[in-house]
């Protein structure tokens, strides 16, 4: 079993919480703002290209938030890996989600 100081555990938690806060803010900016426009005008007024890009951004931000929460939960219930691995993990989550949803930008019409 590994033993970690309180400072290392606190720093890892801050890294996860910072990434989760950024993801939540992106959900608010991307999802909520476009939904308000859609409800206010009763139709999509931003054009076909913006529609595809915004829907793609919505999928990425919502999935990233979900994946970050999943990684945080797994982190809480496992032996902690090295500090260097934990600082890279949120970046991997963001990139994996972006690449996983790349095909959606072509499918959504």
N, C-alpha and C. Protein backbone atom coordinates (compact mmCIF):
# COMPACT_ATOMS: atom_id res chain seq x y z
N UNK A 1 0.84 -1.18 0.00
CA UNK A 1 0.00 0.00 0.00
C UNK A 1 0.89 1.24 0.00
N UNK A 2 0.47 2.23 -0.75
CA UNK A 2 1.22 3.47 -0.84
C UNK A 2 0.73 4.44 0.22
N UNK A 3 1.65 5.22 0.72
CA UNK A 3 1.24 6.27 1.65
C UNK A 3 1.54 7.62 1.01
N UNK A 4 0.59 8.50 1.10
CA UNK A 4 0.73 9.82 0.53
C UNK A 4 0.53 10.86 1.61
N UNK A 5 1.22 11.96 1.45
CA UNK A 5 1.01 13.04 2.39
C UNK A 5 -0.31 13.74 2.05
N UNK A 6 -0.80 14.46 3.01
CA UNK A 6 -2.05 15.17 2.84
C UNK A 6 -1.94 16.20 1.70
N UNK A 7 -0.78 16.82 1.54
CA UNK A 7 -0.59 17.83 0.51
C UNK A 7 -0.72 17.26 -0.90
N UNK A 8 -0.18 16.06 -1.12
CA UNK A 8 -0.26 15.42 -2.43
C UNK A 8 -1.71 15.07 -2.76
N UNK A 9 -2.42 14.51 -1.81
CA UNK A 9 -3.83 14.15 -2.02
C UNK A 9 -4.65 15.41 -2.28
N UNK A 10 -4.38 16.47 -1.56
CA UNK A 10 -5.10 17.72 -1.73
C UNK A 10 -4.83 18.31 -3.11
N UNK A 11 -3.60 18.22 -3.59
CA UNK A 11 -3.25 18.75 -4.91
C UNK A 11 -3.94 17.97 -6.03
N UNK A 12 -4.01 16.67 -5.90
CA UNK A 12 -4.69 15.83 -6.89
C UNK A 12 -6.18 16.16 -6.92
N UNK A 13 -6.78 16.34 -5.77
CA UNK A 13 -8.20 16.70 -5.71
C UNK A 13 -8.45 18.05 -6.35
N UNK A 14 -7.56 19.01 -6.12
CA UNK A 14 -7.71 20.32 -6.73
C UNK A 14 -7.65 20.24 -8.25
N UNK A 15 -6.78 19.38 -8.77
CA UNK A 15 -6.66 19.21 -10.22
C UNK A 15 -7.97 18.69 -10.81
N UNK A 16 -8.55 17.69 -10.18
CA UNK A 16 -9.83 17.15 -10.65
C UNK A 16 -10.94 18.19 -10.53
N UNK A 17 -11.01 18.87 -9.41
CA UNK A 17 -12.07 19.85 -9.21
C UNK A 17 -11.95 21.03 -10.17
N UNK A 18 -10.74 21.45 -10.47
CA UNK A 18 -10.54 22.53 -11.43
C UNK A 18 -11.04 22.11 -12.82
N UNK A 19 -10.69 20.91 -13.25
CA UNK A 19 -11.15 20.42 -14.55
C UNK A 19 -12.66 20.25 -14.58
N UNK A 20 -13.24 19.79 -13.49
CA UNK A 20 -14.69 19.65 -13.43
C UNK A 20 -15.37 21.01 -13.47
N UNK A 21 -14.80 22.00 -12.81
CA UNK A 21 -15.36 23.35 -12.84
C UNK A 21 -15.31 23.93 -14.26
N UNK A 22 -14.20 23.73 -14.95
CA UNK A 22 -14.08 24.21 -16.34
C UNK A 22 -15.11 23.51 -17.22
N UNK A 23 -15.26 22.21 -17.05
CA UNK A 23 -16.23 21.45 -17.84
C UNK A 23 -17.65 21.94 -17.57
N UNK A 24 -17.98 22.20 -16.31
CA UNK A 24 -19.32 22.68 -15.98
C UNK A 24 -19.57 24.08 -16.55
N UNK A 25 -18.57 24.94 -16.51
CA UNK A 25 -18.72 26.26 -17.10
C UNK A 25 -18.92 26.17 -18.62
N UNK A 26 -18.22 25.25 -19.25
CA UNK A 26 -18.39 25.07 -20.69
C UNK A 26 -19.78 24.55 -21.01
N UNK A 27 -20.31 23.67 -20.16
CA UNK A 27 -21.69 23.20 -20.36
C UNK A 27 -22.65 24.38 -20.29
N UNK A 28 -22.45 25.24 -19.29
CA UNK A 28 -23.32 26.42 -19.16
C UNK A 28 -23.21 27.33 -20.37
N UNK A 29 -21.99 27.61 -20.80
CA UNK A 29 -21.81 28.55 -21.92
C UNK A 29 -22.29 27.97 -23.24
N UNK A 30 -21.97 26.73 -23.50
CA UNK A 30 -22.30 26.14 -24.81
C UNK A 30 -23.75 25.68 -24.86
N UNK A 31 -24.17 24.93 -23.88
CA UNK A 31 -25.50 24.33 -23.93
C UNK A 31 -26.60 25.33 -23.58
N UNK A 32 -26.45 25.98 -22.45
CA UNK A 32 -27.53 26.86 -21.99
C UNK A 32 -27.74 28.07 -22.91
N UNK A 33 -26.65 28.68 -23.36
CA UNK A 33 -26.81 29.87 -24.20
C UNK A 33 -27.49 29.55 -25.52
N UNK A 34 -27.13 28.45 -26.13
CA UNK A 34 -27.76 28.11 -27.41
C UNK A 34 -29.21 27.66 -27.22
N UNK A 35 -29.49 27.00 -26.12
CA UNK A 35 -30.88 26.59 -25.85
C UNK A 35 -31.76 27.80 -25.61
N UNK A 36 -31.23 28.83 -24.93
CA UNK A 36 -31.99 30.05 -24.71
C UNK A 36 -32.30 30.73 -26.05
N UNK A 37 -31.32 30.78 -26.94
CA UNK A 37 -31.56 31.35 -28.27
C UNK A 37 -32.63 30.57 -29.02
N UNK A 38 -32.57 29.26 -28.94
CA UNK A 38 -33.54 28.42 -29.64
C UNK A 38 -34.94 28.64 -29.10
N UNK A 39 -35.08 28.72 -27.80
CA UNK A 39 -36.40 28.94 -27.19
C UNK A 39 -36.90 30.36 -27.48
N UNK A 40 -36.02 31.33 -27.42
CA UNK A 40 -36.42 32.72 -27.63
C UNK A 40 -36.94 32.97 -29.05
N UNK A 41 -36.27 32.40 -30.04
CA UNK A 41 -36.66 32.63 -31.43
C UNK A 41 -37.60 31.57 -31.98
N UNK A 42 -37.72 30.45 -31.30
CA UNK A 42 -38.62 29.40 -31.76
C UNK A 42 -38.07 28.56 -32.89
N UNK A 43 -36.89 28.90 -33.37
CA UNK A 43 -36.23 28.14 -34.43
C UNK A 43 -34.73 28.37 -34.34
N UNK A 44 -33.99 27.58 -35.05
CA UNK A 44 -32.53 27.72 -35.04
C UNK A 44 -32.15 28.85 -35.98
N UNK A 45 -31.48 29.89 -35.46
CA UNK A 45 -31.18 31.08 -36.25
C UNK A 45 -29.69 31.23 -36.56
N UNK A 46 -28.87 30.32 -36.11
CA UNK A 46 -27.43 30.47 -36.26
C UNK A 46 -26.84 29.79 -37.48
N UNK A 47 -27.65 29.12 -38.29
CA UNK A 47 -27.16 28.49 -39.51
C UNK A 47 -26.77 27.05 -39.34
N UNK A 48 -26.58 26.38 -40.48
CA UNK A 48 -26.30 24.94 -40.49
C UNK A 48 -24.92 24.60 -39.94
N UNK A 49 -23.92 25.40 -40.28
CA UNK A 49 -22.56 25.12 -39.80
C UNK A 49 -22.47 25.30 -38.30
N UNK A 50 -23.05 26.38 -37.78
CA UNK A 50 -23.05 26.60 -36.34
C UNK A 50 -23.82 25.50 -35.62
N UNK A 51 -24.87 25.02 -36.25
CA UNK A 51 -25.65 23.93 -35.65
C UNK A 51 -24.78 22.70 -35.42
N UNK A 52 -24.04 22.31 -36.44
CA UNK A 52 -23.18 21.14 -36.32
C UNK A 52 -22.07 21.36 -35.28
N UNK A 53 -21.45 22.52 -35.32
CA UNK A 53 -20.36 22.79 -34.38
C UNK A 53 -20.85 22.89 -32.94
N UNK A 54 -21.97 23.52 -32.74
CA UNK A 54 -22.49 23.68 -31.37
C UNK A 54 -22.98 22.36 -30.81
N UNK A 55 -23.64 21.56 -31.62
CA UNK A 55 -24.08 20.24 -31.13
C UNK A 55 -22.87 19.38 -30.78
N UNK A 56 -21.83 19.45 -31.61
CA UNK A 56 -20.60 18.73 -31.30
C UNK A 56 -20.00 19.22 -29.99
N UNK A 57 -19.95 20.53 -29.79
CA UNK A 57 -19.41 21.09 -28.55
C UNK A 57 -20.27 20.68 -27.35
N UNK A 58 -21.58 20.62 -27.52
CA UNK A 58 -22.46 20.17 -26.44
C UNK A 58 -22.16 18.73 -26.05
N UNK A 59 -22.00 17.88 -27.04
CA UNK A 59 -21.72 16.47 -26.77
C UNK A 59 -20.39 16.32 -26.04
N UNK A 60 -19.36 17.02 -26.51
CA UNK A 60 -18.04 16.93 -25.90
C UNK A 60 -18.06 17.43 -24.46
N UNK A 61 -18.69 18.58 -24.22
CA UNK A 61 -18.68 19.12 -22.85
C UNK A 61 -19.49 18.27 -21.89
N UNK A 62 -20.64 17.79 -22.33
CA UNK A 62 -21.45 16.96 -21.44
C UNK A 62 -20.77 15.62 -21.14
N UNK A 63 -20.19 15.01 -22.16
CA UNK A 63 -19.50 13.74 -21.95
C UNK A 63 -18.24 13.92 -21.11
N UNK A 64 -17.53 15.03 -21.31
CA UNK A 64 -16.32 15.27 -20.52
C UNK A 64 -16.65 15.43 -19.04
N UNK A 65 -17.74 16.13 -18.75
CA UNK A 65 -18.16 16.26 -17.36
C UNK A 65 -18.46 14.89 -16.75
N UNK A 66 -19.16 14.07 -17.51
CA UNK A 66 -19.50 12.73 -17.02
C UNK A 66 -18.24 11.89 -16.81
N UNK A 67 -17.32 11.94 -17.76
CA UNK A 67 -16.09 11.17 -17.64
C UNK A 67 -15.23 11.66 -16.48
N UNK A 68 -15.16 12.97 -16.28
CA UNK A 68 -14.39 13.49 -15.15
C UNK A 68 -14.97 13.04 -13.82
N UNK A 69 -16.29 13.04 -13.71
CA UNK A 69 -16.92 12.53 -12.48
C UNK A 69 -16.62 11.05 -12.28
N UNK A 70 -16.61 10.30 -13.37
CA UNK A 70 -16.29 8.88 -13.28
C UNK A 70 -14.86 8.67 -12.82
N UNK A 71 -13.92 9.42 -13.40
CA UNK A 71 -12.51 9.30 -13.01
C UNK A 71 -12.32 9.70 -11.55
N UNK A 72 -13.03 10.74 -11.12
CA UNK A 72 -12.93 11.15 -9.71
C UNK A 72 -13.44 10.05 -8.78
N UNK A 73 -14.52 9.40 -9.17
CA UNK A 73 -15.06 8.32 -8.36
C UNK A 73 -14.12 7.14 -8.28
N UNK A 74 -13.54 6.79 -9.42
CA UNK A 74 -12.57 5.68 -9.44
C UNK A 74 -11.36 6.03 -8.59
N UNK A 75 -10.91 7.27 -8.68
CA UNK A 75 -9.76 7.72 -7.89
C UNK A 75 -10.03 7.60 -6.39
N UNK A 76 -11.23 7.87 -5.98
CA UNK A 76 -11.57 7.81 -4.56
C UNK A 76 -11.63 6.37 -4.03
N UNK A 77 -11.82 5.41 -4.90
CA UNK A 77 -12.01 4.04 -4.44
C UNK A 77 -10.85 3.11 -4.80
N UNK A 78 -9.76 3.66 -5.28
CA UNK A 78 -8.59 2.85 -5.61
C UNK A 78 -7.36 3.39 -4.90
N UNK A 79 -6.32 2.58 -4.94
CA UNK A 79 -5.03 3.05 -4.45
C UNK A 79 -4.58 4.15 -5.39
N UNK A 80 -4.08 5.20 -4.83
CA UNK A 80 -3.69 6.35 -5.63
C UNK A 80 -2.44 6.06 -6.46
N UNK A 81 -2.51 6.33 -7.77
CA UNK A 81 -1.30 6.22 -8.59
C UNK A 81 -0.36 7.39 -8.30
N UNK A 82 0.73 7.42 -9.01
CA UNK A 82 1.71 8.48 -8.81
C UNK A 82 1.10 9.85 -9.15
N UNK A 83 1.63 10.88 -8.54
CA UNK A 83 1.14 12.23 -8.75
C UNK A 83 1.24 12.65 -10.21
N UNK A 84 2.31 12.27 -10.88
CA UNK A 84 2.49 12.65 -12.29
C UNK A 84 1.40 12.03 -13.17
N UNK A 85 0.96 10.83 -12.85
CA UNK A 85 -0.11 10.20 -13.62
C UNK A 85 -1.44 10.91 -13.41
N UNK A 86 -1.69 11.37 -12.20
CA UNK A 86 -2.96 12.00 -11.90
C UNK A 86 -3.09 13.37 -12.55
N UNK A 87 -1.99 14.06 -12.78
CA UNK A 87 -2.08 15.37 -13.42
C UNK A 87 -2.32 15.24 -14.93
N UNK A 88 -1.98 14.10 -15.49
CA UNK A 88 -2.19 13.86 -16.92
C UNK A 88 -3.57 13.29 -17.20
N UNK A 89 -4.18 12.63 -16.24
CA UNK A 89 -5.44 11.94 -16.44
C UNK A 89 -6.58 12.86 -16.91
N UNK A 90 -6.78 14.05 -16.34
CA UNK A 90 -7.85 14.91 -16.88
C UNK A 90 -7.62 15.30 -18.33
N UNK A 91 -6.38 15.50 -18.73
CA UNK A 91 -6.08 15.83 -20.13
C UNK A 91 -6.45 14.66 -21.03
N UNK A 92 -6.15 13.46 -20.58
CA UNK A 92 -6.51 12.26 -21.35
C UNK A 92 -8.02 12.16 -21.50
N UNK A 93 -8.76 12.46 -20.44
CA UNK A 93 -10.23 12.41 -20.50
C UNK A 93 -10.75 13.39 -21.54
N UNK A 94 -10.26 14.63 -21.53
CA UNK A 94 -10.72 15.62 -22.49
C UNK A 94 -10.39 15.19 -23.92
N UNK A 95 -9.18 14.73 -24.17
CA UNK A 95 -8.79 14.35 -25.52
C UNK A 95 -9.52 13.10 -25.99
N UNK A 96 -9.70 12.14 -25.11
CA UNK A 96 -10.41 10.92 -25.49
C UNK A 96 -11.85 11.22 -25.87
N UNK A 97 -12.49 12.10 -25.11
CA UNK A 97 -13.86 12.43 -25.41
C UNK A 97 -13.97 13.21 -26.72
N UNK A 98 -13.05 14.15 -26.93
CA UNK A 98 -13.06 14.93 -28.17
C UNK A 98 -12.89 14.02 -29.38
N UNK A 99 -11.96 13.08 -29.30
CA UNK A 99 -11.71 12.17 -30.41
C UNK A 99 -12.84 11.16 -30.59
N UNK A 100 -13.45 10.73 -29.49
CA UNK A 100 -14.53 9.76 -29.57
C UNK A 100 -15.74 10.36 -30.27
N UNK A 101 -15.97 11.64 -30.09
CA UNK A 101 -17.15 12.28 -30.66
C UNK A 101 -16.88 12.99 -31.98
N UNK A 102 -15.71 12.83 -32.54
CA UNK A 102 -15.36 13.52 -33.78
C UNK A 102 -16.31 13.14 -34.92
N UNK A 103 -16.75 11.92 -34.99
CA UNK A 103 -17.65 11.49 -36.06
C UNK A 103 -19.03 12.11 -35.97
N UNK A 104 -19.43 12.55 -34.78
CA UNK A 104 -20.75 13.14 -34.63
C UNK A 104 -20.91 14.43 -35.40
N UNK A 105 -19.84 15.15 -35.62
CA UNK A 105 -19.94 16.41 -36.35
C UNK A 105 -20.35 16.17 -37.80
N UNK A 106 -20.03 15.01 -38.34
CA UNK A 106 -20.40 14.68 -39.71
C UNK A 106 -21.78 14.05 -39.80
N UNK A 107 -22.21 13.40 -38.74
CA UNK A 107 -23.49 12.69 -38.75
C UNK A 107 -24.67 13.62 -38.52
N UNK A 108 -24.49 14.57 -37.61
CA UNK A 108 -25.61 15.44 -37.21
C UNK A 108 -25.97 16.35 -38.38
N UNK A 109 -27.25 16.36 -38.70
CA UNK A 109 -27.68 17.20 -39.82
C UNK A 109 -28.69 18.23 -39.39
